[in-house]
Amino acid sequence: MEETLIEKLKQFYFDYRQTADPEESFSLAMQTMPHFVLHTAGHMADENDLEGIRSIIRQYEEFSIAPEGSNDSVQERFENEFREARRKSLEPVQ
């Protein structure tokens, strides 16, 4: 199964979170999404993947029009997952 846009957004958040605070990381991740969608849709167009283009555009529309409070909860969830992943990576191997 292909990665969903929300999973890609989380990946971008985790990448930016290495060097930026939570708010800036989420903002940068959100700013990256339109570029990613256009780039991916372009590749899909080259492959004549109309269904893939429809899917990625539909996903983008779903989370780009979400209410502001929804984005806050997504950011909070990403931050909790980031902290948990970081904590696990710092635990000693037994």
PDB file of N, CA and C in Angstrom:
ATOM      1  N   MET A   1       0.840  -1.190   0.000  1.00  0.00           N
ATOM      2  CA  MET A   1       0.000   0.000   0.000  1.00  0.00           C
ATOM      3  C   MET A   1       0.880   1.247   0.000  1.00  0.00           C
ATOM      4  N   GLU A   2       0.483   2.234  -0.776  1.00  0.00           N
ATOM      5  CA  GLU A   2       1.241   3.463  -0.847  1.00  0.00           C
ATOM      6  C   GLU A   2       1.032   4.308   0.406  1.00  0.00           C
ATOM      7  N   GLU A   3       2.022   5.106   0.711  1.00  0.00           N
ATOM      8  CA  GLU A   3       1.979   5.990   1.861  1.00  0.00           C
ATOM      9  C   GLU A   3       0.898   7.062   1.665  1.00  0.00           C
ATOM     10  N   THR A   4       0.101   7.308   2.703  1.00  0.00           N
ATOM     11  CA  THR A   4      -0.917   8.352   2.624  1.00  0.00           C
ATOM     12  C   THR A   4      -0.271   9.715   2.836  1.00  0.00           C
ATOM     13  N   LEU A   5      -1.000  10.763   2.476  1.00  0.00           N
ATOM     14  CA  LEU A   5      -0.454  12.110   2.669  1.00  0.00           C
ATOM     15  C   LEU A   5      -0.257  12.439   4.135  1.00  0.00           C
ATOM     16  N   ILE A   6      -1.123  11.943   5.011  1.00  0.00           N
ATOM     17  CA  ILE A   6      -0.943  12.227   6.436  1.00  0.00           C
ATOM     18  C   ILE A   6       0.326  11.549   6.946  1.00  0.00           C
ATOM     19  N   GLU A   7       0.642  10.365   6.423  1.00  0.00           N
ATOM     20  CA  GLU A   7       1.888   9.691   6.792  1.00  0.00           C
ATOM     21  C   GLU A   7       3.092  10.475   6.260  1.00  0.00           C
ATOM     22  N   LYS A   8       2.953  11.019   5.066  1.00  0.00           N
ATOM     23  CA  LYS A   8       4.035  11.824   4.483  1.00  0.00           C
ATOM     24  C   LYS A   8       4.211  13.111   5.278  1.00  0.00           C
ATOM     25  N   LEU A   9       3.099  13.728   5.684  1.00  0.00           N
ATOM     26  CA  LEU A   9       3.170  14.928   6.511  1.00  0.00           C
ATOM     27  C   LEU A   9       3.907  14.633   7.811  1.00  0.00           C
ATOM     28  N   LYS A  10       3.608  13.487   8.405  1.00  0.00           N
ATOM     29  CA  LYS A  10       4.284  13.083   9.639  1.00  0.00           C
ATOM     30  C   LYS A  10       5.778  12.890   9.395  1.00  0.00           C
ATOM     31  N   GLN A  11       6.131  12.294   8.292  1.00  0.00           N
ATOM     32  CA  GLN A  11       7.547  12.107   7.958  1.00  0.00           C
ATOM     33  C   GLN A  11       8.243  13.462   7.819  1.00  0.00           C
ATOM     34  N   PHE A  12       7.599  14.395   7.113  1.00  0.00           N
ATOM     35  CA  PHE A  12       8.160  15.741   6.984  1.00  0.00           C
ATOM     36  C   PHE A  12       8.302  16.389   8.362  1.00  0.00           C
ATOM     37  N   TYR A  13       7.281  16.249   9.215  1.00  0.00           N
ATOM     38  CA  TYR A  13       7.322  16.819  10.569  1.00  0.00           C
ATOM     39  C   TYR A  13       8.506  16.263  11.345  1.00  0.00           C
ATOM     40  N   PHE A  14       8.665  14.943  11.326  1.00  0.00           N
ATOM     41  CA  PHE A  14       9.780  14.323  12.041  1.00  0.00           C
ATOM     42  C   PHE A  14      11.115  14.831  11.504  1.00  0.00           C
ATOM     43  N   ASP A  15      11.230  14.969  10.192  1.00  0.00           N
ATOM     44  CA  ASP A  15      12.481  15.471   9.601  1.00  0.00           C
ATOM     45  C   ASP A  15      12.774  16.890  10.070  1.00  0.00           C
ATOM     46  N   TYR A  16      11.778  17.766   9.990  1.00  0.00           N
ATOM     47  CA  TYR A  16      11.983  19.152  10.418  1.00  0.00           C
ATOM     48  C   TYR A  16      12.189  19.251  11.921  1.00  0.00           C
ATOM     49  N   ARG A  17      11.575  18.341  12.656  1.00  0.00           N
ATOM     50  CA  ARG A  17      11.638  18.379  14.130  1.00  0.00           C
ATOM     51  C   ARG A  17      13.051  18.136  14.640  1.00  0.00           C
ATOM     52  N   GLN A  18      13.919  17.580  13.822  1.00  0.00           N
ATOM     53  CA  GLN A  18      15.304  17.353  14.228  1.00  0.00           C
ATOM     54  C   GLN A  18      16.015  18.678  14.536  1.00  0.00           C
ATOM     55  N   THR A  19      15.585  19.769  13.885  1.00  0.00           N
ATOM     56  CA  THR A  19      16.282  21.041  14.041  1.00  0.00           C
ATOM     57  C   THR A  19      15.371  22.219  14.399  1.00  0.00           C
ATOM     58  N   ALA A  20      14.066  21.994  14.491  1.00  0.00           N
ATOM     59  CA  ALA A  20      13.151  23.104  14.756  1.00  0.00           C
ATOM     60  C   ALA A  20      12.169  22.738  15.863  1.00  0.00           C
ATOM     61  N   ASP A  21      11.530  23.750  16.433  1.00  0.00           N
ATOM     62  CA  ASP A  21      10.542  23.499  17.483  1.00  0.00           C
ATOM     63  C   ASP A  21       9.255  22.932  16.874  1.00  0.00           C
ATOM     64  N   PRO A  22       8.338  22.450  17.713  1.00  0.00           N
ATOM     65  CA  PRO A  22       7.129  21.805  17.191  1.00  0.00           C
ATOM     66  C   PRO A  22       6.293  22.679  16.247  1.00  0.00           C
ATOM     67  N   GLU A  23       6.077  23.941  16.615  1.00  0.00           N
ATOM     68  CA  GLU A  23       5.242  24.808  15.789  1.00  0.00           C
ATOM     69  C   GLU A  23       5.882  25.062  14.421  1.00  0.00           C
ATOM     70  N   GLU A  24       7.167  25.388  14.430  1.00  0.00           N
ATOM     71  CA  GLU A  24       7.859  25.646  13.163  1.00  0.00           C
ATOM     72  C   GLU A  24       7.919  24.375  12.318  1.00  0.00           C
ATOM     73  N   SER A  25       8.155  23.247  12.960  1.00  0.00           N
ATOM     74  CA  SER A  25       8.230  21.974  12.234  1.00  0.00           C
ATOM     75  C   SER A  25       6.915  21.668  11.532  1.00  0.00           C
ATOM     76  N   PHE A  26       5.802  21.886  12.233  1.00  0.00           N
ATOM     77  CA  PHE A  26       4.500  21.603  11.630  1.00  0.00           C
ATOM     78  C   PHE A  26       4.214  22.584  10.497  1.00  0.00           C
ATOM     79  N   SER A  27       4.543  23.843  10.711  1.00  0.00           N
ATOM     80  CA  SER A  27       4.340  24.846   9.674  1.00  0.00           C
ATOM     81  C   SER A  27       5.151  24.511   8.422  1.00  0.00           C
ATOM     82  N   LEU A  28       6.408  24.149   8.603  1.00  0.00           N
ATOM     83  CA  LEU A  28       7.262  23.789   7.466  1.00  0.00           C
ATOM     84  C   LEU A  28       6.741  22.539   6.755  1.00  0.00           C
ATOM     85  N   ALA A  29       6.297  21.564   7.542  1.00  0.00           N
ATOM     86  CA  ALA A  29       5.754  20.339   6.945  1.00  0.00           C
ATOM     87  C   ALA A  29       4.511  20.655   6.111  1.00  0.00           C
ATOM     88  N   MET A  30       3.644  21.517   6.639  1.00  0.00           N
ATOM     89  CA  MET A  30       2.438  21.901   5.895  1.00  0.00           C
ATOM     90  C   MET A  30       2.793  22.672   4.624  1.00  0.00           C
ATOM     91  N   GLN A  31       3.821  23.516   4.690  1.00  0.00           N
ATOM     92  CA  GLN A  31       4.245  24.277   3.520  1.00  0.00           C
ATOM     93  C   GLN A  31       4.859  23.370   2.457  1.00  0.00           C
ATOM     94  N   THR A  32       5.431  22.263   2.871  1.00  0.00           N
ATOM     95  CA  THR A  32       6.071  21.321   1.954  1.00  0.00           C
ATOM     96  C   THR A  32       5.040  20.502   1.178  1.00  0.00           C
ATOM     97  N   MET A  33       3.869  20.295   1.757  1.00  0.00           N
ATOM     98  CA  MET A  33       2.878  19.405   1.154  1.00  0.00           C
ATOM     99  C   MET A  33       2.440  19.791  -0.256  1.00  0.00           C
ATOM    100  N   PRO A  34       2.121  21.060  -0.545  1.00  0.00           N
ATOM    101  CA  PRO A  34       1.701  21.366  -1.927  1.00  0.00           C
ATOM    102  C   PRO A  34       2.780  21.012  -2.955  1.00  0.00           C
ATOM    103  N   HIS A  35       4.030  21.255  -2.609  1.00  0.00           N
ATOM    104  CA  HIS A  35       5.119  20.913  -3.524  1.00  0.00           C
ATOM    105  C   HIS A  35       5.201  19.408  -3.731  1.00  0.00           C
ATOM    106  N   PHE A  36       5.049  18.666  -2.644  1.00  0.00           N
ATOM    107  CA  PHE A  36       5.086  17.208  -2.726  1.00  0.00           C
ATOM    108  C   PHE A  36       3.924  16.687  -3.571  1.00  0.00           C
ATOM    109  N   VAL A  37       2.724  17.237  -3.353  1.00  0.00           N
ATOM    110  CA  VAL A  37       1.544  16.797  -4.105  1.00  0.00           C
ATOM    111  C   VAL A  37       1.730  17.068  -5.598  1.00  0.00           C
ATOM    112  N   LEU A  38       2.190  18.263  -5.940  1.00  0.00           N
ATOM    113  CA  LEU A  38       2.408  18.595  -7.353  1.00  0.00           C
ATOM    114  C   LEU A  38       3.473  17.696  -7.981  1.00  0.00           C
ATOM    115  N   HIS A  39       4.553  17.476  -7.265  1.00  0.00           N
ATOM    116  CA  HIS A  39       5.634  16.618  -7.767  1.00  0.00           C
ATOM    117  C   HIS A  39       5.132  15.189  -7.991  1.00  0.00           C
ATOM    118  N   THR A  40       4.413  14.669  -7.007  1.00  0.00           N
ATOM    119  CA  THR A  40       3.893  13.300  -7.094  1.00  0.00           C
ATOM    120  C   THR A  40       2.846  13.182  -8.198  1.00  0.00           C
ATOM    121  N   ALA A  41       1.942  14.161  -8.280  1.00  0.00           N
ATOM    122  CA  ALA A  41       0.915  14.136  -9.334  1.00  0.00           C
ATOM    123  C   ALA A  41       1.564  14.201 -10.714  1.00  0.00           C
ATOM    124  N   GLY A  42       2.650  14.948 -10.839  1.00  0.00           N
ATOM    125  CA  GLY A  42       3.371  15.018 -12.110  1.00  0.00           C
ATOM    126  C   GLY A  42       3.913  13.666 -12.525  1.00  0.00           C
ATOM    127  N   HIS A  43       4.509  12.951 -11.562  1.00  0.00           N
ATOM    128  CA  HIS A  43       5.004  11.603 -11.863  1.00  0.00           C
ATOM    129  C   HIS A  43       3.868  10.658 -12.227  1.00  0.00           C
ATOM    130  N   MET A  44       2.753  10.783 -11.516  1.00  0.00           N
ATOM    131  CA  MET A  44       1.591   9.942 -11.821  1.00  0.00           C
ATOM    132  C   MET A  44       1.052  10.243 -13.216  1.00  0.00           C
ATOM    133  N   ALA A  45       1.059  11.519 -13.585  1.00  0.00           N
ATOM    134  CA  ALA A  45       0.601  11.896 -14.928  1.00  0.00           C
ATOM    135  C   ALA A  45       1.502  11.281 -15.992  1.00  0.00           C
ATOM    136  N   ASP A  46       2.815  11.291 -15.741  1.00  0.00           N
ATOM    137  CA  ASP A  46       3.752  10.675 -16.678  1.00  0.00           C
ATOM    138  C   ASP A  46       3.465   9.190 -16.875  1.00  0.00           C
ATOM    139  N   GLU A  47       2.920   8.564 -15.815  1.00  0.00           N
ATOM    140  CA  GLU A  47       2.615   7.133 -15.856  1.00  0.00           C
ATOM    141  C   GLU A  47       1.149   6.873 -16.223  1.00  0.00           C
ATOM    142  N   ASN A  48       0.427   7.925 -16.602  1.00  0.00           N
ATOM    143  CA  ASN A  48      -1.000   7.827 -16.928  1.00  0.00           C
ATOM    144  C   ASN A  48      -1.823   7.225 -15.786  1.00  0.00           C
ATOM    145  N   ASP A  49      -1.454   7.557 -14.544  1.00  0.00           N
ATOM    146  CA  ASP A  49      -2.131   7.033 -13.362  1.00  0.00           C
ATOM    147  C   ASP A  49      -3.193   8.021 -12.888  1.00  0.00           C
ATOM    148  N   LEU A  50      -4.303   8.086 -13.609  1.00  0.00           N
ATOM    149  CA  LEU A  50      -5.373   9.025 -13.290  1.00  0.00           C
ATOM    150  C   LEU A  50      -5.974   8.745 -11.911  1.00  0.00           C
ATOM    151  N   GLU A  51      -6.146   7.485 -11.578  1.00  0.00           N
ATOM    152  CA  GLU A  51      -6.721   7.145 -10.266  1.00  0.00           C
ATOM    153  C   GLU A  51      -5.796   7.594  -9.136  1.00  0.00           C
ATOM    154  N   GLY A  52      -4.489   7.451  -9.323  1.00  0.00           N
ATOM    155  CA  GLY A  52      -3.528   7.918  -8.324  1.00  0.00           C
ATOM    156  C   GLY A  52      -3.591   9.423  -8.150  1.00  0.00           C
ATOM    157  N   ILE A  53      -3.725  10.143  -9.262  1.00  0.00           N
ATOM    158  CA  ILE A  53      -3.838  11.605  -9.200  1.00  0.00           C
ATOM    159  C   ILE A  53      -5.103  11.999  -8.446  1.00  0.00           C
ATOM    160  N   ARG A  54      -6.199  11.358  -8.775  1.00  0.00           N
ATOM    161  CA  ARG A  54      -7.460  11.651  -8.066  1.00  0.00           C
ATOM    162  C   ARG A  54      -7.315  11.395  -6.569  1.00  0.00           C
ATOM    163  N   SER A  55      -6.667  10.299  -6.226  1.00  0.00           N
ATOM    164  CA  SER A  55      -6.507   9.934  -4.823  1.00  0.00           C
ATOM    165  C   SER A  55      -5.659  10.959  -4.069  1.00  0.00           C
ATOM    166  N   ILE A  56      -4.534  11.338  -4.637  1.00  0.00           N
ATOM    167  CA  ILE A  56      -3.653  12.271  -3.925  1.00  0.00           C
ATOM    168  C   ILE A  56      -4.288  13.656  -3.807  1.00  0.00           C
ATOM    169  N   ILE A  57      -5.016  14.083  -4.840  1.00  0.00           N
ATOM    170  CA  ILE A  57      -5.711  15.369  -4.780  1.00  0.00           C
ATOM    171  C   ILE A  57      -6.828  15.315  -3.736  1.00  0.00           C
ATOM    172  N   ARG A  58      -7.568  14.225  -3.693  1.00  0.00           N
ATOM    173  CA  ARG A  58      -8.651  14.061  -2.706  1.00  0.00           C
ATOM    174  C   ARG A  58      -8.081  14.110  -1.280  1.00  0.00           C
ATOM    175  N   GLN A  59      -6.979  13.384  -1.048  1.00  0.00           N
ATOM    176  CA  GLN A  59      -6.361  13.396   0.277  1.00  0.00           C
ATOM    177  C   GLN A  59      -5.897  14.799   0.655  1.00  0.00           C
ATOM    178  N   TYR A  60      -5.279  15.487  -0.302  1.00  0.00           N
ATOM    179  CA  TYR A  60      -4.788  16.839  -0.029  1.00  0.00           C
ATOM    180  C   TYR A  60      -5.947  17.775   0.299  1.00  0.00           C
ATOM    181  N   GLU A  61      -7.016  17.686  -0.452  1.00  0.00           N
ATOM    182  CA  GLU A  61      -8.176  18.533  -0.181  1.00  0.00           C
ATOM    183  C   GLU A  61      -8.753  18.248   1.199  1.00  0.00           C
ATOM    184  N   GLU A  62      -8.781  16.984   1.603  1.00  0.00           N
ATOM    185  CA  GLU A  62      -9.346  16.617   2.904  1.00  0.00           C
ATOM    186  C   GLU A  62      -8.600  17.266   4.054  1.00  0.00           C
ATOM    187  N   PHE A  63      -7.273  17.228   4.019  1.00  0.00           N
ATOM    188  CA  PHE A  63      -6.595  17.814   5.172  1.00  0.00           C
ATOM    189  C   PHE A  63      -6.242  19.272   4.986  1.00  0.00           C
ATOM    190  N   SER A  64      -6.256  19.798   3.777  1.00  0.00           N
ATOM    191  CA  SER A  64      -5.963  21.221   3.610  1.00  0.00           C
ATOM    192  C   SER A  64      -7.154  22.102   3.974  1.00  0.00           C
ATOM    193  N   ILE A  65      -8.358  21.542   3.945  1.00  0.00           N
ATOM    194  CA  ILE A  65      -9.534  22.333   4.319  1.00  0.00           C
ATOM    195  C   ILE A  65     -10.012  22.018   5.737  1.00  0.00           C
ATOM    196  N   ALA A  66      -9.239  21.220   6.459  1.00  0.00           N
ATOM    197  CA  ALA A  66      -9.614  20.867   7.829  1.00  0.00           C
ATOM    198  C   ALA A  66      -9.607  22.116   8.708  1.00  0.00           C
ATOM    199  N   PRO A  67     -10.488  22.167   9.705  1.00  0.00           N
ATOM    200  CA  PRO A  67     -10.501  23.318  10.616  1.00  0.00           C
ATOM    201  C   PRO A  67      -9.175  23.439  11.363  1.00  0.00           C
ATOM    202  N   GLU A  68      -8.836  24.657  11.756  1.00  0.00           N
ATOM    203  CA  GLU A  68      -7.567  24.934  12.452  1.00  0.00           C
ATOM    204  C   GLU A  68      -7.374  24.033  13.677  1.00  0.00           C
ATOM    205  N   GLY A  69      -8.427  23.802  14.444  1.00  0.00           N
ATOM    206  CA  GLY A  69      -8.331  22.948  15.625  1.00  0.00           C
ATOM    207  C   GLY A  69      -7.913  21.534  15.281  1.00  0.00           C
ATOM    208  N   SER A  70      -8.327  21.082  14.108  1.00  0.00           N
ATOM    209  CA  SER A  70      -7.943  19.756  13.650  1.00  0.00           C
ATOM    210  C   SER A  70      -6.436  19.686  13.425  1.00  0.00           C
ATOM    211  N   ASN A  71      -5.866  20.737  12.824  1.00  0.00           N
ATOM    212  CA  ASN A  71      -4.422  20.780  12.618  1.00  0.00           C
ATOM    213  C   ASN A  71      -3.676  20.787  13.940  1.00  0.00           C
ATOM    214  N   ASP A  72      -4.230  21.472  14.938  1.00  0.00           N
ATOM    215  CA  ASP A  72      -3.606  21.493  16.259  1.00  0.00           C
ATOM    216  C   ASP A  72      -3.538  20.092  16.849  1.00  0.00           C
ATOM    217  N   SER A  73      -4.603  19.324  16.693  1.00  0.00           N
ATOM    218  CA  SER A  73      -4.606  17.968  17.237  1.00  0.00           C
ATOM    219  C   SER A  73      -3.655  17.061  16.462  1.00  0.00           C
ATOM    220  N   VAL A  74      -3.533  17.288  15.157  1.00  0.00           N
ATOM    221  CA  VAL A  74      -2.577  16.510  14.357  1.00  0.00           C
ATOM    222  C   VAL A  74      -1.164  16.839  14.802  1.00  0.00           C
ATOM    223  N   GLN A  75      -0.872  18.125  14.984  1.00  0.00           N
ATOM    224  CA  GLN A  75       0.456  18.526  15.439  1.00  0.00           C
ATOM    225  C   GLN A  75       0.762  17.917  16.803  1.00  0.00           C
ATOM    226  N   GLU A  76      -0.204  17.942  17.703  1.00  0.00           N
ATOM    227  CA  GLU A  76      -0.009  17.369  19.037  1.00  0.00           C
ATOM    228  C   GLU A  76       0.262  15.866  18.946  1.00  0.00           C
ATOM    229  N   ARG A  77      -0.487  15.172  18.099  1.00  0.00           N
ATOM    230  CA  ARG A  77      -0.271  13.733  17.931  1.00  0.00           C
ATOM    231  C   ARG A  77       1.120  13.456  17.369  1.00  0.00           C
ATOM    232  N   PHE A  78       1.520  14.220  16.346  1.00  0.00           N
ATOM    233  CA  PHE A  78       2.849  14.047  15.766  1.00  0.00           C
ATOM    234  C   PHE A  78       3.932  14.287  16.814  1.00  0.00           C
ATOM    235  N   GLU A  79       3.760  15.326  17.622  1.00  0.00           N
ATOM    236  CA  GLU A  79       4.774  15.640  18.639  1.00  0.00           C
ATOM    237  C   GLU A  79       4.870  14.515  19.662  1.00  0.00           C
ATOM    238  N   ASN A  80       3.724  13.985  20.083  1.00  0.00           N
ATOM    239  CA  ASN A  80       3.738  12.861  21.030  1.00  0.00           C
ATOM    240  C   ASN A  80       4.443  11.649  20.417  1.00  0.00           C
ATOM    241  N   GLU A  81       4.160  11.356  19.156  1.00  0.00           N
ATOM    242  CA  GLU A  81       4.803  10.229  18.485  1.00  0.00           C
ATOM    243  C   GLU A  81       6.302  10.480  18.300  1.00  0.00           C
ATOM    244  N   PHE A  82       6.664  11.723  17.992  1.00  0.00           N
ATOM    245  CA  PHE A  82       8.077  12.076  17.839  1.00  0.00           C
ATOM    246  C   PHE A  82       8.818  11.864  19.160  1.00  0.00           C
ATOM    247  N   ARG A  83       8.249  12.349  20.248  1.00  0.00           N
ATOM    248  CA  ARG A  83       8.896  12.203  21.562  1.00  0.00           C
ATOM    249  C   ARG A  83       9.014  10.735  21.965  1.00  0.00           C
ATOM    250  N   GLU A  84       7.977   9.970  21.685  1.00  0.00           N
ATOM    251  CA  GLU A  84       8.022   8.534  22.007  1.00  0.00           C
ATOM    252  C   GLU A  84       9.095   7.827  21.187  1.00  0.00           C
ATOM    253  N   ALA A  85       9.169   8.124  19.907  1.00  0.00           N
ATOM    254  CA  ALA A  85      10.191   7.508  19.047  1.00  0.00           C
ATOM    255  C   ALA A  85      11.585   7.909  19.503  1.00  0.00           C
ATOM    256  N   ARG A  86      11.735   9.150  19.890  1.00  0.00           N
ATOM    257  CA  ARG A  86      13.037   9.622  20.357  1.00  0.00           C
ATOM    258  C   ARG A  86      13.423   8.952  21.660  1.00  0.00           C
ATOM    259  N   ARG A  87      12.432   8.828  22.572  1.00  0.00           N
ATOM    260  CA  ARG A  87      12.689   8.170  23.854  1.00  0.00           C
ATOM    261  C   ARG A  87      13.135   6.737  23.635  1.00  0.00           C
ATOM    262  N   LYS A  88      12.439   6.036  22.722  1.00  0.00           N
ATOM    263  CA  LYS A  88      12.799   4.642  22.435  1.00  0.00           C
ATOM    264  C   LYS A  88      14.192   4.527  21.812  1.00  0.00           C
ATOM    265  N   SER A  89      14.551   5.487  20.995  1.00  0.00           N
ATOM    266  CA  SER A  89      15.869   5.419  20.342  1.00  0.00           C
ATOM    267  C   SER A  89      16.995   5.695  21.340  1.00  0.00           C
ATOM    268  N   LEU A  90      16.673   6.344  22.469  1.00  0.00           N
ATOM    269  CA  LEU A  90      17.682   6.641  23.467  1.00  0.00           C
ATOM    270  C   LEU A  90      17.777   5.591  24.564  1.00  0.00           C
ATOM    271  N   GLU A  91      16.815   4.643  24.597  1.00  0.00           N
ATOM    272  CA  GLU A  91      16.850   3.586  25.597  1.00  0.00           C
ATOM    273  C   GLU A  91      18.001   2.633  25.312  1.00  0.00           C
ATOM    274  N   PRO A  92      18.685   2.197  26.374  1.00  0.00           N
ATOM    275  CA  PRO A  92      19.780   1.246  26.160  1.00  0.00           C
ATOM    276  C   PRO A  92      19.264  -0.109  25.666  1.00  0.00           C
ATOM    277  N   VAL A  93      20.023  -0.739  24.821  1.00  0.00           N
ATOM    278  CA  VAL A  93      19.664  -2.064  24.302  1.00  0.00           C
ATOM    279  C   VAL A  93      20.020  -3.086  25.381  1.00  0.00           C
ATOM    280  N   GLN A  94      19.075  -4.000  25.645  1.00  0.00           N
ATOM    281  CA  GLN A  94      19.320  -5.006  26.701  1.00  0.00           C
ATOM    282  C   GLN A  94      19.656  -6.341  26.115  1.00  0.00           C
TER     283      GLN A  94
END
